[in-house]
Each structure stands twice: as structure tokens, then as C-alpha cells.
C-alpha atoms as a PDB file:
ATOM      1  CA  UNK A   1       0.000   0.000   0.000  1.00  0.00           C
ATOM      2  CA  UNK A   2       1.284   3.451  -0.910  1.00  0.00           C
ATOM      3  CA  UNK A   3       2.145   5.887   1.867  1.00  0.00           C
ATOM      4  CA  UNK A   4       0.339   9.175   2.243  1.00  0.00           C
ATOM      5  CA  UNK A   5       3.509  10.908   1.014  1.00  0.00           C
ATOM      6  CA  UNK A   6       3.228   8.919  -2.214  1.00  0.00           C
ATOM      7  CA  UNK A   7      -0.417  10.027  -2.393  1.00  0.00           C
ATOM      8  CA  UNK A   8       0.573  13.688  -2.239  1.00  0.00           C
ATOM      9  CA  UNK A   9       3.173  13.208  -4.964  1.00  0.00           C
ATOM     10  CA  UNK A  10       0.663  11.255  -7.059  1.00  0.00           C
ATOM     11  CA  UNK A  11      -1.894  14.044  -6.616  1.00  0.00           C
ATOM     12  CA  UNK A  12       0.640  16.680  -7.709  1.00  0.00           C
ATOM     13  CA  UNK A  13       1.365  14.655 -10.848  1.00  0.00           C
ATOM     14  CA  UNK A  14      -2.353  14.171 -11.547  1.00  0.00           C
ATOM     15  CA  UNK A  15      -2.974  17.903 -11.175  1.00  0.00           C
ATOM     16  CA  UNK A  16      -0.221  18.751 -13.661  1.00  0.00           C
ATOM     17  CA  UNK A  17      -2.645  18.266 -16.576  1.00  0.00           C
ATOM     18  CA  UNK A  18      -5.017  21.001 -17.740  1.00  0.00           C
ATOM     19  CA  UNK A  19      -7.486  18.346 -18.890  1.00  0.00           C
ATOM     20  CA  UNK A  20      -7.528  16.611 -15.527  1.00  0.00           C
ATOM     21  CA  UNK A  21      -7.976  19.955 -13.770  1.00  0.00           C
ATOM     22  CA  UNK A  22     -10.959  20.639 -16.041  1.00  0.00           C
ATOM     23  CA  UNK A  23     -12.475  17.255 -15.220  1.00  0.00           C
ATOM     24  CA  UNK A  24     -12.133  17.938 -11.488  1.00  0.00           C
ATOM     25  CA  UNK A  25     -13.680  21.392 -11.926  1.00  0.00           C
ATOM     26  CA  UNK A  26     -16.637  19.979 -13.872  1.00  0.00           C
ATOM     27  CA  UNK A  27     -17.187  17.218 -11.322  1.00  0.00           C
ATOM     28  CA  UNK A  28     -17.566  19.844  -8.573  1.00  0.00           C
ATOM     29  CA  UNK A  29     -20.940  20.789 -10.052  1.00  0.00           C
ATOM     30  CA  UNK A  30     -21.922  17.987 -12.417  1.00  0.00           C
ATOM     31  CA  UNK A  31     -25.488  19.198 -13.066  1.00  0.00           C
ATOM     32  CA  UNK A  32     -24.115  22.529 -14.301  1.00  0.00           C
ATOM     33  CA  UNK A  33     -21.654  20.892 -16.696  1.00  0.00           C
ATOM     34  CA  UNK A  34     -23.226  17.673 -17.972  1.00  0.00           C
ATOM     35  CA  UNK A  35     -26.491  16.693 -19.597  1.00  0.00           C
ATOM     36  CA  UNK A  36     -28.752  14.251 -17.737  1.00  0.00           C
ATOM     37  CA  UNK A  37     -27.791  10.576 -17.888  1.00  0.00           C
ATOM     38  CA  UNK A  38     -30.070   7.633 -18.649  1.00  0.00           C
ATOM     39  CA  UNK A  39     -28.611   5.511 -15.827  1.00  0.00           C
ATOM     40  CA  UNK A  40     -27.241   6.927 -12.603  1.00  0.00           C
ATOM     41  CA  UNK A  41     -27.665  10.262 -10.889  1.00  0.00           C
ATOM     42  CA  UNK A  42     -25.038  12.890 -11.784  1.00  0.00           C
ATOM     43  CA  UNK A  43     -24.478  13.831  -8.132  1.00  0.00           C
ATOM     44  CA  UNK A  44     -25.180  10.594  -6.234  1.00  0.00           C
ATOM     45  CA  UNK A  45     -23.563   8.147  -8.661  1.00  0.00           C
ATOM     46  CA  UNK A  46     -21.187  10.425 -10.544  1.00  0.00           C
ATOM     47  CA  UNK A  47     -20.741  11.261 -14.215  1.00  0.00           C
ATOM     48  CA  UNK A  48     -20.410   8.602 -16.889  1.00  0.00           C
ATOM     49  CA  UNK A  49     -16.987   8.497 -18.519  1.00  0.00           C
ATOM     50  CA  UNK A  50     -18.718   8.775 -21.910  1.00  0.00           C
ATOM     51  CA  UNK A  51     -20.133  12.199 -20.983  1.00  0.00           C
ATOM     52  CA  UNK A  52     -16.756  13.352 -19.704  1.00  0.00           C
ATOM     53  CA  UNK A  53     -15.075  12.255 -22.963  1.00  0.00           C
ATOM     54  CA  UNK A  54     -17.800  14.013 -24.958  1.00  0.00           C
ATOM     55  CA  UNK A  55     -17.399  17.302 -23.064  1.00  0.00           C
ATOM     56  CA  UNK A  56     -13.605  17.124 -23.131  1.00  0.00           C
ATOM     57  CA  UNK A  57     -13.652  16.373 -26.875  1.00  0.00           C
ATOM     58  CA  UNK A  58     -11.448  13.291 -26.605  1.00  0.00           C
ATOM     59  CA  UNK A  59     -11.787   9.572 -27.287  1.00  0.00           C
ATOM     60  CA  UNK A  60     -12.980   7.088 -24.679  1.00  0.00           C
ATOM     61  CA  UNK A  61      -9.490   5.570 -24.223  1.00  0.00           C
ATOM     62  CA  UNK A  62      -7.978   9.037 -23.687  1.00  0.00           C
ATOM     63  CA  UNK A  63     -10.493  10.044 -21.032  1.00  0.00           C
ATOM     64  CA  UNK A  64     -10.146   6.620 -19.421  1.00  0.00           C
ATOM     65  CA  UNK A  65      -6.429   7.239 -18.965  1.00  0.00           C
ATOM     66  CA  UNK A  66      -7.065  10.673 -17.409  1.00  0.00           C
ATOM     67  CA  UNK A  67      -9.689   9.205 -15.072  1.00  0.00           C
ATOM     68  CA  UNK A  68      -7.391   6.328 -14.143  1.00  0.00           C
ATOM     69  CA  UNK A  69      -4.680   8.798 -13.102  1.00  0.00           C
ATOM     70  CA  UNK A  70      -7.167  10.868 -11.091  1.00  0.00           C
ATOM     71  CA  UNK A  71      -8.510   7.725  -9.467  1.00  0.00           C
ATOM     72  CA  UNK A  72      -5.053   6.382  -8.575  1.00  0.00           C
ATOM     73  CA  UNK A  73      -4.250   9.755  -7.014  1.00  0.00           C
ATOM     74  CA  UNK A  74      -7.383   9.467  -4.870  1.00  0.00           C
ATOM     75  CA  UNK A  75      -9.025  12.530  -6.394  1.00  0.00           C
ATOM     76  CA  UNK A  76     -11.999  10.719  -7.919  1.00  0.00           C
ATOM     77  CA  UNK A  77     -13.804   7.488  -7.181  1.00  0.00           C
ATOM     78  CA  UNK A  78     -15.327   5.144  -9.738  1.00  0.00           C
ATOM     79  CA  UNK A  79     -18.625   3.294  -9.513  1.00  0.00           C
ATOM     80  CA  UNK A  80     -20.019   0.695 -11.919  1.00  0.00           C
ATOM     81  CA  UNK A  81     -23.691   0.989 -12.882  1.00  0.00           C
ATOM     82  CA  UNK A  82     -24.758  -1.609 -15.438  1.00  0.00           C
ATOM     83  CA  UNK A  83     -22.141  -1.433 -18.214  1.00  0.00           C
ATOM     84  CA  UNK A  84     -21.089   2.150 -17.385  1.00  0.00           C
ATOM     85  CA  UNK A  85     -18.470   3.573 -15.062  1.00  0.00           C
ATOM     86  CA  UNK A  86     -19.375   6.750 -13.217  1.00  0.00           C
ATOM     87  CA  UNK A  87     -16.876   9.127 -11.640  1.00  0.00           C
ATOM     88  CA  UNK A  88     -17.181  11.664  -8.877  1.00  0.00           C
ATOM     89  CA  UNK A  89     -14.806  13.660  -6.748  1.00  0.00           C
ATOM     90  CA  UNK A  90     -13.634  12.102  -3.497  1.00  0.00           C
ATOM     91  CA  UNK A  91     -14.145  15.240  -1.416  1.00  0.00           C
ATOM     92  CA  UNK A  92     -12.872  13.741   1.848  1.00  0.00           C
ATOM     93  CA  UNK A  93      -9.643  12.580   0.213  1.00  0.00           C
ATOM     94  CA  UNK A  94      -9.255  15.910  -1.635  1.00  0.00           C
ATOM     95  CA  UNK A  95      -9.579  17.808   1.664  1.00  0.00           C
ATOM     96  CA  UNK A  96      -6.901  15.619   3.284  1.00  0.00           C
ATOM     97  CA  UNK A  97      -4.591  16.015   0.289  1.00  0.00           C
ATOM     98  CA  UNK A  98      -5.088  19.812   0.248  1.00  0.00           C
ATOM     99  CA  UNK A  99      -4.109  20.050   3.899  1.00  0.00           C
ATOM    100  CA  UNK A 100      -1.083  17.817   3.371  1.00  0.00           C
ATOM    101  CA  UNK A 101      -0.008  19.737   0.256  1.00  0.00           C
ATOM    102  CA  UNK A 102      -0.190  23.043   2.120  1.00  0.00           C
ATOM    103  CA  UNK A 103       2.119  21.590   4.767  1.00  0.00           C
ATOM    104  CA  UNK A 104       4.645  20.705   2.054  1.00  0.00           C
ATOM    105  CA  UNK A 105       4.745  24.066   0.255  1.00  0.00           C
END
């Protein structure tokens, strides 16, 4: 298991991408940034990776890689609903990482 120090470094690397920063910004207020989904609630379940790819203007594999990096850094969590994967911010983890980052800089 990775240490919390590794988590901070991983988060810094994840945040080094403008596209990943955009995704995190959009996921703060998903109803304001994404159209309604057929399955899953935008807030409760998260946003389908397909909608994120559509809004970002990239392919599914590209957005999957961005979301994988955000997920590994603990910034988003993934949830399967039927054949879809939904993503939302992990606010508790983000708050802990923010506090830890501020200690480091």
C-alpha cells in the first residue's frame, strides 16, 4: 500500500494536466456541466466516462487514462452501474490532500 507521502506526490502529478484539472472542476458541479444521464444520478452516482469524454472532446481511451490517473491519485472514485463507469470527486480525500499539500509548500 502506498504511503500518504506517495499520495501527495501522485496528486501533484495528476494535477499537472489542464485536462484533468478541467475534469475535477466539472465534477464539482456535475449538473451545471453535464447533460442528464439515462442511468445513474449525476451527483449521487457520478458522471459517466462517456459524458466526460464528450465534453472534453477526446476519445474514450484518452479520457479513461485521465480518469485512471485521477482515481489512482485518490481525487476521484469510480462506480459501476450496469455497463457504465461513473466518476465523482472524493471530497474527503481531496480535503486531506489539500491540507497535506499546504504543509509541504
